[in-house]
C-alpha atoms as a PDB file:
ATOM      1  CA  MET A   1     -36.703 100.331 -10.493  1.00  0.00           C
ATOM      2  CA  LEU A   2     -33.913 100.107 -12.721  1.00  0.00           C
ATOM      3  CA  ILE A   3     -31.156 102.575 -12.038  1.00  0.00           C
ATOM      4  CA  SER A   4     -27.769 101.444 -13.493  1.00  0.00           C
ATOM      5  CA  THR A   5     -23.958 102.251 -12.384  1.00  0.00           C
ATOM      6  CA  ARG A   6     -23.385 104.323 -15.148  1.00  0.00           C
ATOM      7  CA  GLN A   7     -26.429 106.488 -14.238  1.00  0.00           C
ATOM      8  CA  LEU A   8     -25.068 106.712 -10.275  1.00  0.00           C
ATOM      9  CA  ARG A   9     -21.672 107.728 -11.647  1.00  0.00           C
ATOM     10  CA  ALA A  10     -23.133 110.490 -14.155  1.00  0.00           C
ATOM     11  CA  PHE A  11     -24.441 111.782 -11.051  1.00  0.00           C
ATOM     12  CA  LEU A  12     -21.445 111.889  -8.855  1.00  0.00           C
ATOM     13  CA  SER A  13     -19.486 113.331 -12.060  1.00  0.00           C
ATOM     14  CA  VAL A  14     -21.537 116.189 -11.745  1.00  0.00           C
ATOM     15  CA  VAL A  15     -21.625 116.517  -8.027  1.00  0.00           C
ATOM     16  CA  LYS A  16     -17.391 116.883  -8.426  1.00  0.00           C
ATOM     17  CA  TYR A  17     -17.369 118.967 -11.557  1.00  0.00           C
ATOM     18  CA  GLY A  18     -20.608 120.866 -11.004  1.00  0.00           C
ATOM     19  CA  ASN A  19     -20.846 121.762 -14.502  1.00  0.00           C
ATOM     20  CA  PHE A  20     -22.613 119.247 -16.727  1.00  0.00           C
ATOM     21  CA  THR A  21     -19.781 120.108 -19.498  1.00  0.00           C
ATOM     22  CA  LYS A  22     -17.107 119.164 -17.635  1.00  0.00           C
ATOM     23  CA  ALA A  23     -18.634 116.233 -15.922  1.00  0.00           C
ATOM     24  CA  ALA A  24     -19.750 114.671 -19.554  1.00  0.00           C
ATOM     25  CA  ASP A  25     -16.044 115.321 -20.869  1.00  0.00           C
ATOM     26  CA  ARG A  26     -14.980 113.368 -18.099  1.00  0.00           C
ATOM     27  CA  MET A  27     -16.873 110.539 -18.783  1.00  0.00           C
ATOM     28  CA  HIS A  28     -16.737 110.516 -23.148  1.00  0.00           C
ATOM     29  CA  ILE A  29     -19.950 111.340 -23.852  1.00  0.00           C
ATOM     30  CA  THR A  30     -22.422 114.307 -24.726  1.00  0.00           C
ATOM     31  CA  GLN A  31     -23.568 116.665 -23.079  1.00  0.00           C
ATOM     32  CA  ALA A  32     -27.095 115.379 -23.902  1.00  0.00           C
ATOM     33  CA  GLY A  33     -26.464 112.165 -23.003  1.00  0.00           C
ATOM     34  CA  LEU A  34     -25.066 112.875 -19.562  1.00  0.00           C
ATOM     35  CA  SER A  35     -28.510 115.431 -19.673  1.00  0.00           C
ATOM     36  CA  GLY A  36     -30.732 112.093 -20.162  1.00  0.00           C
ATOM     37  CA  MET A  37     -29.231 109.931 -17.738  1.00  0.00           C
ATOM     38  CA  ILE A  38     -29.290 112.387 -14.909  1.00  0.00           C
ATOM     39  CA  ARG A  39     -33.137 113.438 -15.869  1.00  0.00           C
ATOM     40  CA  ASP A  40     -34.213 109.436 -16.248  1.00  0.00           C
ATOM     41  CA  LEU A  41     -32.283 109.068 -12.480  1.00  0.00           C
ATOM     42  CA  GLU A  42     -34.557 111.837 -11.456  1.00  0.00           C
ATOM     43  CA  THR A  43     -37.605 110.271 -13.319  1.00  0.00           C
ATOM     44  CA  GLN A  44     -37.162 106.996 -11.512  1.00  0.00           C
ATOM     45  CA  LEU A  45     -36.468 108.551  -8.442  1.00  0.00           C
ATOM     46  CA  GLN A  46     -39.751 111.154  -8.275  1.00  0.00           C
ATOM     47  CA  CYS A  47     -37.360 113.934  -7.255  1.00  0.00           C
ATOM     48  CA  ARG A  48     -34.928 116.604  -8.487  1.00  0.00           C
ATOM     49  CA  LEU A  49     -31.600 115.998  -7.782  1.00  0.00           C
ATOM     50  CA  PHE A  50     -30.024 119.118  -9.300  1.00  0.00           C
ATOM     51  CA  ASN A  51     -31.071 122.838  -9.317  1.00  0.00           C
ATOM     52  CA  ARG A  52     -29.599 123.925 -12.450  1.00  0.00           C
ATOM     53  CA  THR A  53     -28.445 127.762 -13.923  1.00  0.00           C
ATOM     54  CA  THR A  54     -26.495 129.116 -16.719  1.00  0.00           C
ATOM     55  CA  ARG A  55     -24.303 129.470 -14.522  1.00  0.00           C
ATOM     56  CA  SER A  56     -23.905 126.530 -11.480  1.00  0.00           C
ATOM     57  CA  VAL A  57     -25.707 123.423 -10.400  1.00  0.00           C
ATOM     58  CA  GLU A  58     -26.508 122.580  -7.147  1.00  0.00           C
ATOM     59  CA  LEU A  59     -27.686 119.783  -4.876  1.00  0.00           C
ATOM     60  CA  THR A  60     -30.887 120.102  -3.793  1.00  0.00           C
ATOM     61  CA  GLU A  61     -32.011 118.735  -0.126  1.00  0.00           C
ATOM     62  CA  ALA A  62     -32.750 115.210  -1.636  1.00  0.00           C
ATOM     63  CA  GLY A  63     -29.746 114.625  -3.809  1.00  0.00           C
ATOM     64  CA  GLY A  64     -27.304 115.858  -0.725  1.00  0.00           C
ATOM     65  CA  HIS A  65     -29.301 113.481   0.549  1.00  0.00           C
ATOM     66  CA  LEU A  66     -28.556 110.720  -1.849  1.00  0.00           C
ATOM     67  CA  LEU A  67     -24.766 111.923  -2.193  1.00  0.00           C
ATOM     68  CA  PRO A  68     -22.594 109.727   0.632  1.00  0.00           C
ATOM     69  CA  TYR A  69     -25.284 106.344  -0.304  1.00  0.00           C
ATOM     70  CA  VAL A  70     -24.205 106.556  -3.832  1.00  0.00           C
ATOM     71  CA  ARG A  71     -20.887 107.223  -2.931  1.00  0.00           C
ATOM     72  CA  ARG A  72     -20.971 104.253  -0.655  1.00  0.00           C
ATOM     73  CA  ALA A  73     -22.584 101.829  -3.139  1.00  0.00           C
ATOM     74  CA  LEU A  74     -20.084 102.551  -5.860  1.00  0.00           C
ATOM     75  CA  GLU A  75     -17.183 101.955  -3.699  1.00  0.00           C
ATOM     76  CA  ASP A  76     -18.210  98.783  -2.275  1.00  0.00           C
ATOM     77  CA  LEU A  77     -19.069  97.682  -5.860  1.00  0.00           C
ATOM     78  CA  ASP A  78     -15.412  98.786  -7.092  1.00  0.00           C
ATOM     79  CA  ALA A  79     -14.050  97.023  -3.960  1.00  0.00           C
ATOM     80  CA  GLY A  80     -15.792  93.417  -4.960  1.00  0.00           C
ATOM     81  CA  VAL A  81     -14.984  94.026  -8.365  1.00  0.00           C
ATOM     82  CA  GLU A  82     -11.617  94.619  -7.685  1.00  0.00           C
ATOM     83  CA  SER A  83     -11.317  91.901  -4.955  1.00  0.00           C
ATOM     84  CA  LEU A  84     -12.924  89.553  -7.736  1.00  0.00           C
ATOM     85  CA  SER A  85      -9.339  90.109  -9.677  1.00  0.00           C
ATOM     86  CA  TYR A  86      -7.446  89.717  -6.851  1.00  0.00           C
ATOM     87  CA  VAL A  87      -9.097  85.948  -6.681  1.00  0.00           C
ATOM     88  CA  LYS A  88      -8.529  85.119 -10.601  1.00  0.00           C
ATOM     89  CA  GLU A  89      -4.803  86.184 -10.136  1.00  0.00           C
ATOM     90  CA  LEU A  90      -4.752  83.430  -7.239  1.00  0.00           C
ATOM     91  CA  ARG A  91      -6.322  80.971  -9.215  1.00  0.00           C
ATOM     92  CA  ARG A  92      -4.547  81.023 -11.960  1.00  0.00           C
ATOM     93  CA  GLY A  93      -1.798  78.517 -12.198  1.00  0.00           C
ATOM     94  CA  ARG A  94      -4.097  76.139 -10.056  1.00  0.00           C
ATOM     95  CA  LEU A  95      -6.147  73.245 -11.227  1.00  0.00           C
ATOM     96  CA  ARG A  96      -8.649  71.416  -9.007  1.00  0.00           C
ATOM     97  CA  VAL A  97      -9.768  68.234  -9.829  1.00  0.00           C
ATOM     98  CA  GLY A  98     -11.695  66.030  -7.912  1.00  0.00           C
ATOM     99  CA  ILE A  99     -11.481  61.678  -8.417  1.00  0.00           C
ATOM    100  CA  THR A 100     -13.090  58.877  -6.882  1.00  0.00           C
ATOM    101  CA  PRO A 101     -11.257  57.048  -4.794  1.00  0.00           C
ATOM    102  CA  PHE A 102     -10.072  53.952  -6.026  1.00  0.00           C
ATOM    103  CA  LEU A 103      -8.739  55.553  -9.486  1.00  0.00           C
ATOM    104  CA  ALA A 104      -7.517  57.960  -7.284  1.00  0.00           C
ATOM    105  CA  ALA A 105      -5.067  55.760  -5.160  1.00  0.00           C
ATOM    106  CA  HIS A 106      -4.482  53.045  -8.590  1.00  0.00           C
ATOM    107  CA  LEU A 107      -4.388  55.145 -11.800  1.00  0.00           C
ATOM    108  CA  VAL A 108      -3.982  58.981 -10.885  1.00  0.00           C
ATOM    109  CA  PRO A 109      -0.629  59.041  -9.315  1.00  0.00           C
ATOM    110  CA  SER A 110       1.009  58.379 -12.175  1.00  0.00           C
ATOM    111  CA  VAL A 111      -0.815  61.067 -14.252  1.00  0.00           C
ATOM    112  CA  ILE A 112      -0.335  63.274 -11.445  1.00  0.00           C
ATOM    113  CA  LYS A 113       3.669  62.873 -12.396  1.00  0.00           C
ATOM    114  CA  ARG A 114       3.710  63.062 -15.726  1.00  0.00           C
ATOM    115  CA  PHE A 115       1.257  66.441 -15.182  1.00  0.00           C
ATOM    116  CA  ASP A 116       3.803  67.716 -12.818  1.00  0.00           C
ATOM    117  CA  ASP A 117       6.706  67.206 -15.488  1.00  0.00           C
ATOM    118  CA  VAL A 118       5.119  68.558 -18.597  1.00  0.00           C
ATOM    119  CA  SER A 119       2.854  71.541 -16.467  1.00  0.00           C
ATOM    120  CA  PRO A 120       5.014  72.542 -14.067  1.00  0.00           C
ATOM    121  CA  GLU A 121       3.718  76.298 -13.842  1.00  0.00           C
ATOM    122  CA  ILE A 122       0.635  74.417 -12.386  1.00  0.00           C
ATOM    123  CA  GLN A 123      -0.204  73.364  -9.228  1.00  0.00           C
ATOM    124  CA  LEU A 124      -2.648  70.732  -9.000  1.00  0.00           C
ATOM    125  CA  GLU A 125      -4.888  70.551  -6.360  1.00  0.00           C
ATOM    126  CA  LEU A 126      -6.416  66.757  -5.524  1.00  0.00           C
ATOM    127  CA  VAL A 127      -9.858  65.817  -3.587  1.00  0.00           C
ATOM    128  CA  ASP A 128     -10.809  62.441  -3.495  1.00  0.00           C
ATOM    129  CA  ALA A 129     -14.354  61.276  -2.870  1.00  0.00           C
ATOM    130  CA  GLU A 130     -16.902  59.531  -3.737  1.00  0.00           C
ATOM    131  CA  GLN A 131     -18.400  60.574  -7.153  1.00  0.00           C
ATOM    132  CA  ASN A 132     -22.079  62.425  -5.792  1.00  0.00           C
ATOM    133  CA  VAL A 133     -19.237  64.573  -3.637  1.00  0.00           C
ATOM    134  CA  ILE A 134     -17.134  65.614  -6.475  1.00  0.00           C
ATOM    135  CA  GLN A 135     -20.286  65.970  -8.641  1.00  0.00           C
ATOM    136  CA  GLN A 136     -21.360  68.518  -6.396  1.00  0.00           C
ATOM    137  CA  MET A 137     -18.360  70.485  -5.547  1.00  0.00           C
ATOM    138  CA  VAL A 138     -18.314  70.555  -9.399  1.00  0.00           C
ATOM    139  CA  ASP A 139     -22.108  72.275  -9.478  1.00  0.00           C
ATOM    140  CA  ASN A 140     -21.135  74.496  -6.541  1.00  0.00           C
ATOM    141  CA  GLY A 141     -17.985  75.604  -8.122  1.00  0.00           C
ATOM    142  CA  GLU A 142     -15.162  74.224  -5.700  1.00  0.00           C
ATOM    143  CA  LEU A 143     -13.836  71.970  -8.414  1.00  0.00           C
ATOM    144  CA  ASP A 144     -12.681  72.856 -11.684  1.00  0.00           C
ATOM    145  CA  ALA A 145     -13.259  69.185 -13.165  1.00  0.00           C
ATOM    146  CA  ALA A 146     -14.005  65.836 -11.455  1.00  0.00           C
ATOM    147  CA  TYR A 147     -13.474  62.656 -13.136  1.00  0.00           C
ATOM    148  CA  GLY A 148     -15.069  59.180 -12.542  1.00  0.00           C
ATOM    149  CA  TYR A 149     -18.351  57.175 -14.392  1.00  0.00           C
ATOM    150  CA  LEU A 150     -21.869  56.794 -14.628  1.00  0.00           C
ATOM    151  CA  PHE A 151     -21.758  60.860 -13.399  1.00  0.00           C
ATOM    152  CA  THR A 152     -25.590  62.144 -13.245  1.00  0.00           C
ATOM    153  CA  GLN A 153     -26.309  64.672 -15.691  1.00  0.00           C
ATOM    154  CA  THR A 154     -27.238  67.742 -14.553  1.00  0.00           C
ATOM    155  CA  ALA A 155     -28.032  71.577 -15.748  1.00  0.00           C
ATOM    156  CA  GLY A 156     -25.382  73.712 -16.163  1.00  0.00           C
ATOM    157  CA  VAL A 157     -22.556  70.745 -16.144  1.00  0.00           C
ATOM    158  CA  HIS A 158     -20.485  69.515 -19.475  1.00  0.00           C
ATOM    159  CA  ARG A 159     -19.447  66.001 -19.876  1.00  0.00           C
ATOM    160  CA  GLN A 160     -16.663  64.986 -21.709  1.00  0.00           C
ATOM    161  CA  SER A 161     -16.030  61.135 -22.370  1.00  0.00           C
ATOM    162  CA  LEU A 162     -12.703  60.217 -21.940  1.00  0.00           C
ATOM    163  CA  TYR A 163     -12.345  56.432 -22.303  1.00  0.00           C
ATOM    164  CA  VAL A 164     -15.121  53.664 -22.095  1.00  0.00           C
ATOM    165  CA  ASP A 165     -14.661  50.424 -21.038  1.00  0.00           C
ATOM    166  CA  ARG A 166     -16.893  47.056 -20.588  1.00  0.00           C
ATOM    167  CA  LEU A 167     -17.929  45.271 -17.266  1.00  0.00           C
ATOM    168  CA  ALA A 168     -15.584  42.238 -16.568  1.00  0.00           C
ATOM    169  CA  LEU A 169     -16.395  39.532 -14.384  1.00  0.00           C
ATOM    170  CA  ILE A 170     -13.398  38.730 -11.758  1.00  0.00           C
ATOM    171  CA  ALA A 171     -12.269  35.926  -9.493  1.00  0.00           C
ATOM    172  CA  SER A 172      -8.602  34.847  -7.828  1.00  0.00           C
ATOM    173  CA  LEU A 173      -6.126  32.991 -10.394  1.00  0.00           C
ATOM    174  CA  ASP A 174      -6.882  29.614  -9.191  1.00  0.00           C
ATOM    175  CA  ALA A 175     -10.907  29.454  -8.751  1.00  0.00           C
ATOM    176  CA  PHE A 176     -13.665  28.609 -11.001  1.00  0.00           C
ATOM    177  CA  ALA A 177     -11.173  27.319 -13.386  1.00  0.00           C
ATOM    178  CA  PRO A 178     -14.183  25.729 -15.941  1.00  0.00           C
ATOM    179  CA  CYS A 179     -15.603  29.016 -16.057  1.00  0.00           C
ATOM    180  CA  THR A 180     -13.799  30.677 -19.323  1.00  0.00           C
ATOM    181  CA  SER A 181     -16.309  32.905 -20.516  1.00  0.00           C
ATOM    182  CA  ILE A 182     -20.249  34.432 -20.047  1.00  0.00           C
ATOM    183  CA  GLU A 183     -21.666  34.356 -23.250  1.00  0.00           C
ATOM    184  CA  ARG A 184     -24.952  32.482 -22.537  1.00  0.00           C
ATOM    185  CA  GLY A 185     -27.184  31.767 -19.433  1.00  0.00           C
ATOM    186  CA  GLU A 186     -26.049  28.539 -18.990  1.00  0.00           C
ATOM    187  CA  ASP A 187     -22.197  29.600 -18.326  1.00  0.00           C
ATOM    188  CA  TRP A 188     -23.221  31.274 -14.888  1.00  0.00           C
ATOM    189  CA  ASP A 189     -23.302  27.590 -14.035  1.00  0.00           C
ATOM    190  CA  HIS A 190     -19.742  27.599 -13.729  1.00  0.00           C
ATOM    191  CA  VAL A 191     -19.838  29.988 -10.824  1.00  0.00           C
ATOM    192  CA  ARG A 192     -22.980  29.208  -9.207  1.00  0.00           C
ATOM    193  CA  GLU A 193     -21.616  28.216  -6.103  1.00  0.00           C
ATOM    194  CA  ALA A 194     -19.644  31.386  -5.809  1.00  0.00           C
ATOM    195  CA  THR A 195     -20.354  34.259  -2.988  1.00  0.00           C
ATOM    196  CA  LEU A 196     -20.653  37.410  -5.884  1.00  0.00           C
ATOM    197  CA  ILE A 197     -19.578  40.687  -3.763  1.00  0.00           C
ATOM    198  CA  GLY A 198     -21.067  43.715  -4.835  1.00  0.00           C
ATOM    199  CA  LEU A 199     -21.163  47.596  -4.079  1.00  0.00           C
ATOM    200  CA  HIS A 200     -24.036  49.222  -1.616  1.00  0.00           C
ATOM    201  CA  ARG A 201     -26.852  48.943  -3.656  1.00  0.00           C
ATOM    202  CA  SER A 202     -27.324  52.698  -4.124  1.00  0.00           C
ATOM    203  CA  ASN A 203     -23.659  52.950  -6.049  1.00  0.00           C
ATOM    204  CA  PRO A 204     -24.958  53.805  -9.681  1.00  0.00           C
ATOM    205  CA  LEU A 205     -22.336  50.991 -10.886  1.00  0.00           C
ATOM    206  CA  GLN A 206     -23.857  48.079  -8.609  1.00  0.00           C
ATOM    207  CA  HIS A 207     -27.517  49.404 -10.089  1.00  0.00           C
ATOM    208  CA  LEU A 208     -25.722  48.809 -13.667  1.00  0.00           C
ATOM    209  CA  ILE A 209     -24.160  45.008 -12.552  1.00  0.00           C
ATOM    210  CA  ASN A 210     -27.588  44.338 -11.297  1.00  0.00           C
ATOM    211  CA  GLU A 211     -29.833  44.991 -14.446  1.00  0.00           C
ATOM    212  CA  PHE A 212     -27.138  43.036 -16.324  1.00  0.00           C
ATOM    213  CA  LEU A 213     -27.333  40.141 -14.080  1.00  0.00           C
ATOM    214  CA  VAL A 214     -30.519  40.050 -14.596  1.00  0.00           C
ATOM    215  CA  GLN A 215     -30.741  40.509 -18.617  1.00  0.00           C
ATOM    216  CA  THR A 216     -27.764  37.496 -18.482  1.00  0.00           C
ATOM    217  CA  GLU A 217     -30.120  35.420 -16.115  1.00  0.00           C
ATOM    218  CA  ALA A 218     -27.838  34.847 -13.689  1.00  0.00           C
ATOM    219  CA  PRO A 219     -28.450  32.969 -10.774  1.00  0.00           C
ATOM    220  CA  ALA A 220     -29.380  34.314  -7.332  1.00  0.00           C
ATOM    221  CA  PHE A 221     -25.733  34.156  -5.763  1.00  0.00           C
ATOM    222  CA  ARG A 222     -25.205  34.400  -2.466  1.00  0.00           C
ATOM    223  CA  ARG A 223     -23.511  38.325  -1.876  1.00  0.00           C
ATOM    224  CA  ARG A 224     -21.327  40.182   0.292  1.00  0.00           C
ATOM    225  CA  GLU A 225     -22.099  44.045  -0.283  1.00  0.00           C
ATOM    226  CA  VAL A 226     -19.472  46.152   0.916  1.00  0.00           C
ATOM    227  CA  ARG A 227     -19.061  50.345   0.022  1.00  0.00           C
ATOM    228  CA  HIS A 228     -15.518  50.647  -1.794  1.00  0.00           C
ATOM    229  CA  LEU A 229     -14.019  49.209  -5.029  1.00  0.00           C
ATOM    230  CA  ALA A 230     -10.924  48.505  -3.738  1.00  0.00           C
ATOM    231  CA  THR A 231     -12.613  46.602  -0.972  1.00  0.00           C
ATOM    232  CA  VAL A 232     -14.154  44.213  -3.735  1.00  0.00           C
ATOM    233  CA  ILE A 233     -10.801  43.168  -5.720  1.00  0.00           C
ATOM    234  CA  GLY A 234      -9.284  42.902  -2.356  1.00  0.00           C
ATOM    235  CA  LEU A 235     -11.849  40.242  -1.276  1.00  0.00           C
ATOM    236  CA  VAL A 236     -12.088  38.650  -5.037  1.00  0.00           C
ATOM    237  CA  SER A 237      -8.139  38.351  -4.829  1.00  0.00           C
ATOM    238  CA  ALA A 238      -8.138  36.424  -1.202  1.00  0.00           C
ATOM    239  CA  GLY A 239     -10.300  33.865  -2.858  1.00  0.00           C
ATOM    240  CA  LEU A 240     -13.649  35.426  -1.325  1.00  0.00           C
ATOM    241  CA  GLY A 241     -15.362  35.174  -4.165  1.00  0.00           C
ATOM    242  CA  ILE A 242     -16.560  36.555  -7.725  1.00  0.00           C
ATOM    243  CA  ALA A 243     -17.310  40.541  -8.894  1.00  0.00           C
ATOM    244  CA  LEU A 244     -18.303  42.757 -11.701  1.00  0.00           C
ATOM    245  CA  VAL A 245     -15.806  45.454 -11.929  1.00  0.00           C
ATOM    246  CA  PRO A 246     -15.148  48.221 -14.280  1.00  0.00           C
ATOM    247  CA  SER A 247     -12.085  46.365 -16.321  1.00  0.00           C
ATOM    248  CA  THR A 248     -10.245  49.714 -15.598  1.00  0.00           C
ATOM    249  CA  SER A 249     -10.554  48.419 -12.013  1.00  0.00           C
ATOM    250  CA  LEU A 250      -7.830  45.790 -12.699  1.00  0.00           C
ATOM    251  CA  VAL A 251      -4.880  47.889 -11.878  1.00  0.00           C
ATOM    252  CA  GLY A 252      -2.339  47.498  -8.904  1.00  0.00           C
ATOM    253  CA  ASP A 253      -0.532  44.689  -7.097  1.00  0.00           C
ATOM    254  CA  GLU A 254      -3.763  42.848  -6.185  1.00  0.00           C
ATOM    255  CA  ALA A 255      -4.896  42.608 -10.069  1.00  0.00           C
ATOM    256  CA  ARG A 256      -2.189  40.286 -10.574  1.00  0.00           C
ATOM    257  CA  HIS A 257      -3.745  38.074  -8.442  1.00  0.00           C
ATOM    258  CA  ILE A 258      -7.535  38.199 -10.745  1.00  0.00           C
ATOM    259  CA  ARG A 259      -8.634  36.726 -13.750  1.00  0.00           C
ATOM    260  CA  GLN A 260     -11.087  38.487 -15.925  1.00  0.00           C
ATOM    261  CA  ILE A 261     -13.679  36.137 -17.226  1.00  0.00           C
ATOM    262  CA  PRO A 262     -14.868  37.831 -20.752  1.00  0.00           C
ATOM    263  CA  LEU A 263     -18.530  38.199 -20.445  1.00  0.00           C
ATOM    264  CA  GLY A 264     -19.218  38.567 -24.270  1.00  0.00           C
ATOM    265  CA  PRO A 265     -20.824  41.663 -26.329  1.00  0.00           C
ATOM    266  CA  ALA A 266     -23.898  41.398 -24.076  1.00  0.00           C
ATOM    267  CA  SER A 267     -21.365  43.350 -21.097  1.00  0.00           C
ATOM    268  CA  PRO A 268     -22.316  46.791 -20.557  1.00  0.00           C
ATOM    269  CA  LEU A 269     -20.251  50.172 -21.855  1.00  0.00           C
ATOM    270  CA  ILE A 270     -19.026  52.035 -18.936  1.00  0.00           C
ATOM    271  CA  GLU A 271     -18.316  55.711 -19.826  1.00  0.00           C
ATOM    272  CA  HIS A 272     -15.688  57.521 -17.959  1.00  0.00           C
ATOM    273  CA  CYS A 273     -16.378  61.129 -18.119  1.00  0.00           C
ATOM    274  CA  CYS A 274     -14.387  64.998 -17.086  1.00  0.00           C
ATOM    275  CA  LEU A 275     -17.508  67.110 -15.474  1.00  0.00           C
ATOM    276  CA  THR A 276     -16.833  70.447 -16.030  1.00  0.00           C
ATOM    277  CA  LYS A 277     -19.057  73.735 -15.062  1.00  0.00           C
ATOM    278  CA  ALA A 278     -20.769  75.068 -18.465  1.00  0.00           C
ATOM    279  CA  GLY A 279     -17.643  77.433 -19.773  1.00  0.00           C
ATOM    280  CA  ALA A 280     -15.238  76.197 -17.509  1.00  0.00           C
ATOM    281  CA  GLU A 281     -13.818  74.176 -20.070  1.00  0.00           C
ATOM    282  CA  GLY A 282     -10.747  76.606 -20.849  1.00  0.00           C
ATOM    283  CA  VAL A 283      -9.486  76.556 -17.278  1.00  0.00           C
ATOM    284  CA  GLU A 284      -5.342  76.370 -17.518  1.00  0.00           C
ATOM    285  CA  GLY A 285      -4.422  72.841 -17.690  1.00  0.00           C
ATOM    286  CA  LEU A 286      -7.410  71.145 -17.721  1.00  0.00           C
ATOM    287  CA  GLU A 287      -7.241  69.703 -21.424  1.00  0.00           C
ATOM    288  CA  GLN A 288      -3.765  68.662 -20.612  1.00  0.00           C
ATOM    289  CA  PHE A 289      -4.964  66.811 -17.592  1.00  0.00           C
ATOM    290  CA  SER A 290      -7.577  65.125 -18.981  1.00  0.00           C
ATOM    291  CA  LEU A 291      -5.500  63.818 -21.890  1.00  0.00           C
ATOM    292  CA  LEU A 292      -2.835  62.141 -20.205  1.00  0.00           C
ATOM    293  CA  LEU A 293      -6.045  60.730 -17.591  1.00  0.00           C
ATOM    294  CA  ALA A 294      -7.208  58.782 -20.938  1.00  0.00           C
ATOM    295  CA  GLU A 295      -3.445  57.636 -21.696  1.00  0.00           C
ATOM    296  CA  ALA A 296      -3.730  56.122 -18.180  1.00  0.00           C
ATOM    297  CA  TYR A 297      -7.123  54.287 -18.729  1.00  0.00           C
ATOM    298  CA  ARG A 298      -5.705  53.054 -22.212  1.00  0.00           C
ATOM    299  CA  SER A 299      -2.464  52.069 -20.448  1.00  0.00           C
ATOM    300  CA  ALA A 300      -4.239  49.995 -17.499  1.00  0.00           C
ATOM    301  CA  THR A 301      -6.632  47.863 -19.727  1.00  0.00           C
ATOM    302  CA  GLY A 302      -4.421  47.643 -22.913  1.00  0.00           C
ATOM    303  CA  SER A 303      -7.796  48.204 -24.944  1.00  0.00           C
ATOM    304  CA  GLY A 304     -11.498  49.537 -24.583  1.00  0.00           C
ATOM    305  CA  VAL A 305     -13.463  51.346 -26.564  1.00  0.00           C
ATOM    306  CA  ALA A 306     -13.588  55.092 -28.466  1.00  0.00           C
ATOM    307  CA  PRO A 307     -15.060  57.629 -26.426  1.00  0.00           C
ATOM    308  CA  ALA A 308     -18.358  58.826 -27.409  1.00  0.00           C
ATOM    309  CA  ASP A 309     -18.884  61.970 -28.850  1.00  0.00           C
END
């Protein structure tokens, strides 16, 4: 059964005016068109709704029974549409973004300050959470956008590349001085005795790191596993080991106590992205915030690779 709201409104219009000609006029359609909608409605319901004479149009018993249900259904629908417009109006001038915790703590504060300066009319709401959480919030429509790297591509989500950097090997300033670069497998010998500090094995970044270590014939390091990138960098800064991190991670006070060891052309690329629900790219302020964040990435590293298409 495919009953349309237009058919139901035609039914109510005939009830209200008691005349097909007047009802059709109020609906801005021809009388023939209105009559056709009512006939189709009666066919689908398998009963007559009106008794028609040359002088009057009256509800049948079936039509009278149906009337309150139609009124209630259309009233509920109109109320829902009206409330949806209200929700849209509330969201106007508001941008909701999710960012992974390390970026939210070290890179994003300056971006928010600049965004507030250039777009004071937009209220920015920030959720700092792990990438799987903020990606799910985009999928659910709870966030306008999510920012981070190595997001999983899912159906109905658009992924825009903002910045691409490389993996970096880091150590404290006074540690492993003979190691100036990792170009060949034997270069790992300079740090063979180090403790490799890494993220939890379920982290997508750690998957990338482990694959790189295998490909470059790195030694079987002693390992210390932690949950957060900030902890990794803090431990390296304190001289407790080495780590592989995205170059954009080297920001903040602790980065001043860290030395970056080049990994050569074999270093994998890390794509930093903006995730949005498909069709939501026109959200007010989103493009401006993404541009400011991309600039912050470039400023943090002083270099980088051009964004992917």
